[in-house]
Amino acid sequence: MDSLLPLVYLTVLLLVLLILTLFLFKQIFQKKKVEEALSELQLKVRSNNATGEDYYLLGTIYLSKKLFDQAIIQFRYALQLWDKSDKEGIANLYNTVGFTYSESNQYDLAIYYYNEAIKNLSNYTTALNNLGYVYEKKGAFAEAVKAYQSVVSYDKGNEVALDRLQMLKRRVK
């Protein structure tokens, strides 16, 4: 019985270390993959062979690294090159630019880009939710309620909008 306890302890310890090692290698592999994609996209940009999608991908990588200024620059290039007839794609791009500005606490610019996304795709509930959230951050609760009500008019089961509406109605009272 006395020799069983150390064996169980060592087995559990070994399993925990193995799981941590696997997690660490997975993280390293993912980071390496992102860095390779970043390098490849930067090479395309330097050689003037980048498309709007390439600029968008480069911007999303910068955004994931919280390099907001670089991300915005890439998204602006993407906006210049994007096919204007692709309403869904351009709405997504405007929403992403708005999100980037929102993350850097530039709420007025975020509102502008969210509205541009909604102009291109009026039932874009993600942009409408984001717009409501930014209005909340600015303290413009009436505008936030309108944005969330628009979401609910397009998607009656949207839990984010329903929860935010309920919270805002309590706050306004």
Protein backbone atom coordinates (compact mmCIF):
# COMPACT_ATOMS: atom_id res chain seq x y z
CA MET A 1 0.00 0.00 0.00
CA ASP A 2 2.83 2.40 0.83
CA SER A 3 4.46 1.89 -2.57
CA LEU A 4 1.21 2.53 -4.47
CA LEU A 5 0.81 6.17 -3.42
CA PRO A 6 4.14 7.39 -4.89
CA LEU A 7 3.40 5.46 -8.10
CA VAL A 8 -0.02 7.14 -8.46
CA TYR A 9 1.51 10.53 -7.68
CA LEU A 10 4.24 10.10 -10.30
CA THR A 11 1.74 8.85 -12.89
CA VAL A 12 -0.54 11.86 -12.35
CA LEU A 13 2.43 14.21 -12.43
CA LEU A 14 3.69 12.65 -15.65
CA LEU A 15 0.24 12.94 -17.26
CA VAL A 16 -0.06 16.61 -16.28
CA LEU A 17 3.40 17.34 -17.66
CA LEU A 18 2.57 15.49 -20.87
CA ILE A 19 -0.65 17.46 -21.34
CA LEU A 20 1.16 20.75 -20.67
CA THR A 21 3.88 19.81 -23.15
CA LEU A 22 1.32 18.98 -25.84
CA PHE A 23 -0.49 22.27 -25.21
CA LEU A 24 2.80 24.17 -25.42
CA PHE A 25 3.79 22.52 -28.70
CA LYS A 26 0.35 23.24 -30.14
CA GLN A 27 0.70 26.91 -29.22
CA ILE A 28 4.18 27.07 -30.73
CA PHE A 29 2.96 25.45 -33.94
CA GLN A 30 0.03 27.87 -34.23
CA LYS A 31 2.28 30.87 -33.58
CA LYS A 32 4.76 29.65 -36.20
CA LYS A 33 1.94 29.24 -38.73
CA VAL A 34 0.72 32.81 -38.13
CA GLU A 35 4.25 34.19 -38.41
CA GLU A 36 4.78 32.34 -41.70
CA ALA A 37 1.51 33.74 -43.07
CA LEU A 38 2.54 37.21 -41.90
CA SER A 39 5.91 36.90 -43.63
CA GLU A 40 4.32 35.65 -46.85
CA LEU A 41 1.75 38.45 -46.91
CA GLN A 42 4.36 41.12 -46.17
CA LEU A 43 6.43 39.78 -49.07
CA LYS A 44 3.41 40.07 -51.39
CA VAL A 45 2.80 43.64 -50.25
CA ARG A 46 6.44 44.62 -50.78
CA SER A 47 6.41 43.16 -54.29
CA ASN A 48 3.14 44.99 -55.13
CA ASN A 49 1.34 41.70 -55.84
CA ALA A 50 -1.13 41.95 -52.97
CA THR A 51 -4.88 41.81 -53.50
CA GLY A 52 -7.56 43.33 -51.32
CA GLU A 53 -7.96 39.96 -49.63
CA ASP A 54 -4.21 39.86 -48.88
CA TYR A 55 -4.37 43.29 -47.26
CA TYR A 56 -7.41 42.16 -45.29
CA LEU A 57 -5.62 39.02 -44.05
CA LEU A 58 -2.56 41.05 -43.13
CA GLY A 59 -4.77 43.47 -41.23
CA THR A 60 -6.45 40.65 -39.33
CA ILE A 61 -3.05 39.30 -38.29
CA TYR A 62 -2.03 42.74 -37.03
CA LEU A 63 -5.39 43.03 -35.28
CA SER A 64 -4.84 39.69 -33.51
CA LYS A 65 -1.48 41.04 -32.33
CA LYS A 66 -3.25 44.20 -31.10
CA LEU A 67 -1.27 46.37 -33.54
CA PHE A 68 -4.26 48.54 -34.30
CA ASP A 69 -2.57 51.29 -36.33
CA GLN A 70 -0.91 48.80 -38.68
CA ALA A 71 -4.17 46.86 -38.99
CA ILE A 72 -6.10 49.99 -39.95
CA ILE A 73 -3.55 50.86 -42.62
CA GLN A 74 -3.89 47.40 -44.15
CA PHE A 75 -7.68 47.52 -43.98
CA ARG A 76 -7.69 50.89 -45.77
CA TYR A 77 -5.60 49.40 -48.58
CA ALA A 78 -8.03 46.51 -48.71
CA LEU A 79 -10.96 48.95 -48.98
CA GLN A 80 -9.29 50.64 -51.96
CA LEU A 81 -8.78 47.35 -53.80
CA TRP A 82 -11.98 45.54 -52.80
CA ASP A 83 -14.57 44.76 -55.46
CA LYS A 84 -17.33 47.32 -54.81
CA SER A 85 -19.99 44.94 -56.15
CA ASP A 86 -19.20 42.45 -53.35
CA LYS A 87 -21.60 44.02 -50.85
CA GLU A 88 -21.23 41.27 -48.25
CA GLY A 89 -17.43 41.31 -48.41
CA ILE A 90 -17.15 45.07 -48.23
CA ALA A 91 -19.66 45.20 -45.36
CA ASN A 92 -17.53 42.67 -43.49
CA LEU A 93 -14.44 44.77 -44.18
CA TYR A 94 -16.11 47.96 -42.92
CA ASN A 95 -17.27 46.08 -39.82
CA THR A 96 -13.72 44.86 -39.18
CA VAL A 97 -12.34 48.40 -39.52
CA GLY A 98 -15.03 49.60 -37.12
CA PHE A 99 -14.09 46.85 -34.68
CA THR A 100 -10.43 47.86 -34.90
CA TYR A 101 -11.28 51.47 -34.12
CA SER A 102 -13.53 50.32 -31.29
CA GLU A 103 -10.72 48.24 -29.80
CA SER A 104 -8.46 51.30 -29.87
CA ASN A 105 -11.21 53.37 -28.14
CA GLN A 106 -11.83 55.61 -31.17
CA TYR A 107 -15.58 55.31 -30.94
CA ASP A 108 -16.61 58.04 -33.40
CA LEU A 109 -14.59 56.42 -36.18
CA ALA A 110 -15.93 53.01 -35.19
CA ILE A 111 -19.49 54.32 -35.49
CA TYR A 112 -18.73 55.71 -38.95
CA TYR A 113 -17.38 52.38 -40.22
CA TYR A 114 -20.18 50.33 -38.64
CA ASN A 115 -22.69 52.61 -40.37
CA GLU A 116 -20.85 52.10 -43.65
CA ALA A 117 -21.10 48.34 -43.17
CA ILE A 118 -24.83 48.67 -42.52
CA LYS A 119 -25.25 50.86 -45.64
CA ASN A 120 -23.77 48.04 -47.70
CA LEU A 121 -25.74 45.28 -45.97
CA SER A 122 -28.73 46.59 -44.06
CA ASN A 123 -29.45 43.32 -42.22
CA TYR A 124 -25.86 42.84 -41.03
CA THR A 125 -26.65 41.98 -37.42
CA THR A 126 -23.01 41.72 -36.34
CA ALA A 127 -22.35 45.31 -37.37
CA LEU A 128 -25.59 46.42 -35.74
CA ASN A 129 -24.63 44.66 -32.49
CA ASN A 130 -21.19 46.24 -32.63
CA LEU A 131 -22.75 49.64 -33.28
CA GLY A 132 -24.98 49.24 -30.25
CA TYR A 133 -22.02 48.26 -28.12
CA VAL A 134 -20.01 51.33 -29.21
CA TYR A 135 -22.98 53.59 -28.49
CA GLU A 136 -23.11 52.05 -25.02
CA LYS A 137 -19.42 52.76 -24.52
CA LYS A 138 -20.03 56.40 -25.48
CA GLY A 139 -22.99 56.64 -23.11
CA ALA A 140 -25.47 57.17 -25.97
CA PHE A 141 -27.98 54.70 -24.62
CA ALA A 142 -30.93 55.77 -26.82
CA GLU A 143 -28.89 55.12 -29.97
CA ALA A 144 -27.70 51.80 -28.53
CA VAL A 145 -31.31 50.75 -27.93
CA LYS A 146 -32.18 51.64 -31.55
CA ALA A 147 -29.27 49.58 -32.86
CA TYR A 148 -30.20 46.56 -30.75
CA GLN A 149 -33.85 46.89 -31.75
CA SER A 150 -32.74 46.80 -35.40
CA VAL A 151 -30.87 43.58 -34.69
CA VAL A 152 -33.96 42.05 -33.12
CA SER A 153 -36.09 43.14 -36.09
CA TYR A 154 -33.82 41.08 -38.37
CA ASP A 155 -33.06 38.24 -35.95
CA LYS A 156 -35.70 37.79 -33.26
CA GLY A 157 -33.62 35.20 -31.40
CA ASN A 158 -30.38 37.20 -31.22
CA GLU A 159 -29.38 36.63 -27.61
CA VAL A 160 -26.73 39.37 -27.53
CA ALA A 161 -29.16 42.07 -28.65
CA LEU A 162 -31.96 40.79 -26.41
CA ASP A 163 -29.70 40.72 -23.35
CA ARG A 164 -28.25 44.16 -24.07
CA LEU A 165 -31.72 45.61 -24.67
CA GLN A 166 -32.96 44.23 -21.38
CA MET A 167 -29.92 45.60 -19.54
CA LEU A 168 -30.23 49.04 -21.19
CA LYS A 169 -33.94 49.30 -20.40
CA ARG A 170 -33.12 48.67 -16.73
CA ARG A 171 -30.29 51.20 -16.83
CA VAL A 172 -32.38 53.92 -18.49
CA LYS A 173 -35.23 53.62 -15.95
